Amino acid sequence: PQESIPTDSDDVYKYCASGMYYL
């Protein structure tokens, strides 16, 4: 995502769940 990349596992999981794989 172009927004601030989350560092919390919860946030990361939500990002991944949303289909926004930045890894």
N, C-alpha and C. Protein backbone atom coordinates (compact mmCIF):
# COMPACT_ATOMS: atom_id res chain seq x y z
N PRO A 1 0.82 -1.23 0.00
CA PRO A 1 0.00 0.00 0.00
C PRO A 1 0.84 1.27 0.00
N GLN A 2 0.29 2.32 -0.50
CA GLN A 2 1.03 3.59 -0.56
C GLN A 2 0.95 4.31 0.77
N GLU A 3 0.04 3.86 1.64
CA GLU A 3 -0.06 4.47 2.97
C GLU A 3 1.06 3.95 3.85
N SER A 4 1.09 4.40 5.09
CA SER A 4 2.15 3.94 6.00
C SER A 4 2.01 2.44 6.22
N ILE A 5 3.06 1.71 5.95
CA ILE A 5 3.02 0.26 6.09
C ILE A 5 2.90 -0.13 7.56
N PRO A 6 1.95 -0.97 7.89
CA PRO A 6 1.74 -1.39 9.27
C PRO A 6 2.88 -2.27 9.76
N THR A 7 3.19 -2.16 11.04
CA THR A 7 4.27 -2.97 11.60
C THR A 7 3.71 -3.97 12.59
N ASP A 8 2.42 -3.78 12.93
CA ASP A 8 1.78 -4.71 13.87
C ASP A 8 1.28 -5.94 13.14
N SER A 9 1.41 -7.09 13.76
CA SER A 9 0.96 -8.33 13.13
C SER A 9 -0.52 -8.23 12.78
N ASP A 10 -1.29 -7.61 13.67
CA ASP A 10 -2.72 -7.46 13.42
C ASP A 10 -2.96 -6.65 12.15
N ASP A 11 -2.29 -5.52 12.06
CA ASP A 11 -2.46 -4.66 10.89
C ASP A 11 -2.00 -5.38 9.63
N VAL A 12 -0.85 -6.02 9.73
CA VAL A 12 -0.30 -6.74 8.58
C VAL A 12 -1.29 -7.80 8.12
N TYR A 13 -1.85 -8.52 9.08
CA TYR A 13 -2.81 -9.57 8.74
C TYR A 13 -4.01 -8.97 8.02
N LYS A 14 -4.47 -7.84 8.53
CA LYS A 14 -5.64 -7.18 7.93
C LYS A 14 -5.30 -6.73 6.51
N TYR A 15 -4.10 -6.19 6.33
CA TYR A 15 -3.68 -5.74 5.00
C TYR A 15 -3.65 -6.93 4.05
N CYS A 16 -3.07 -8.03 4.51
CA CYS A 16 -2.97 -9.23 3.68
C CYS A 16 -4.36 -9.76 3.39
N ALA A 17 -5.21 -9.76 4.40
CA ALA A 17 -6.57 -10.26 4.24
C ALA A 17 -7.33 -9.41 3.23
N SER A 18 -6.99 -8.14 3.18
CA SER A 18 -7.67 -7.24 2.25
C SER A 18 -7.14 -7.43 0.84
N GLY A 19 -6.11 -8.26 0.70
CA GLY A 19 -5.56 -8.50 -0.63
C GLY A 19 -4.46 -7.51 -0.96
N MET A 20 -4.00 -6.78 0.06
CA MET A 20 -2.94 -5.80 -0.20
C MET A 20 -1.61 -6.38 0.25
N TYR A 21 -1.05 -7.26 -0.56
CA TYR A 21 0.21 -7.90 -0.18
C TYR A 21 1.38 -7.01 -0.57
N TYR A 22 2.00 -6.41 0.42
CA TYR A 22 3.15 -5.55 0.14
C TYR A 22 4.44 -6.33 0.37
N LEU A 23 4.29 -7.61 0.81
CA LEU A 23 5.48 -8.43 1.01
C LEU A 23 5.91 -8.95 -0.36
